[in-house]
Amino acid sequence: MNFPRLIPTYSDELEPIYRIPPEELIPEVVLRADRLAEERDWGHLPLQLRELHERGIRGEGVTIAICDTGIDFTHPDLAPNKAANGHRNFTSSARDDYRDRVGHGTHCAGIVAAADTGDGILGSAPDAKLMAVKVLNDRGAGASSWINAGTRHAADAGAEILSQSFGGGEDPESLAAIRYAIAKGCWVVAAAGNAGHGGIDYPGGYPESICVAACDEDLAVAPFSSRGKALDLAAPGVSILSTYPGNRYARLSGTSMATPYVAGCLALVRGELKKRGLPIPSQAEIERLSRETAKDLDAPGFDTNTGFGLIQPVKLLEKLLGTTPPPNPPGPWPSGYTGVITTIEEYDRGVFQGRKVSAVP
């Protein structure tokens, strides 16, 4: 692919390119702030996030790097949780221009840590801090050198969890960057991809990453979610409500949405461990414990659709603290959308095939 030379080290002939799946660039619906009718996305219920929030477990003291298209920090739900430093653009020479002009990064950021402002929506870890590491350009694509530099930078700048919602092929430099971040004490979470039975994307395919599949409101694997032996966990990833540029909200579907859900759940766990002065598990340890405490969704034990199952932060934290966790929540979960749709579009691709989105007066 002929890619513009946006930074001096970029090689358009040799470098792998990573991308956001095209269907994730088109919102299912977009809502103005004054039309929002919900505070929590449906994904909070099966993950028991309200229970953790009400216990004061809200991700305080943890910084999550959103390695993506940037973040729109003018959004009132995201501005309070902007990290003090570490924001960087790796897609051009304008290093301080980490603004999101696509929407994908802002959506992922809200899933992780939209603040509890009394308006808008609530993120998984509403007291955590967000670091914008822009490694994908305004077309949703990024050269491996941008992504690898961003991964290393996030680790050096103090991020504790890296959320990576993009995919491409194997690259030894990409793996080296992930190993570097892990050696610095980071937890790295990556999307499985939206290829269905077409195989898992990288960096999610690396054993070192926590690889995330997407499930729907019935806790069934999403049709688009990539299958494979590299899967670790599943999380909500269909019709997810989150922040969107321009003080708006949108619903998007993809493993890109499931990934920040796992990152947010891990931020809750890490924040509570830090608050109590307890040791922070390594990447390998938190991956193992997350698998052991996950809720089985598909075939018993591990399966190539949802890995070891739905991440369960309550059980994970209770196991780390050495206490007895509450039982798994019941399912399936109520479906349906109660907000007001403010756009008129018809989508005929991917998960949105045949769905018509109509405006409500």
Foldseek 3Di string as FASTA:
>chain_A
DDDDCFDPVDDRVDWWKWFFPPQQLDFPFKFAQVQDDDAEWLQCVLQVLVVLVVVVLQLAPAEEEEAWQAAACVQQQQVVQADPDLAFALRHPPTNPRYHPRFLSNFLSFQQARAPPVGHYGHSRPNHHYHYQRQAHNVGMHTLVSSLVSLQSCLVVRHAEYQEEIFTADDPSNVVSLVNSLVSNHAYEYEQFQQQAPGGGPPLQDLLHAYEFAADLQQHGDRRTYFDPSHQAYGHFAQTWGDGPPNMIGTGGDSSNRRSNVVNLVSSLVSVCVVVVHDDDGNVVLSVLQLVQADQRDPPAAGRRGGSHHGHSQSSNCVVVVHDGDDRDDDRHDDDDDTFGQDWDQDCDDPRRPPGDDGDD
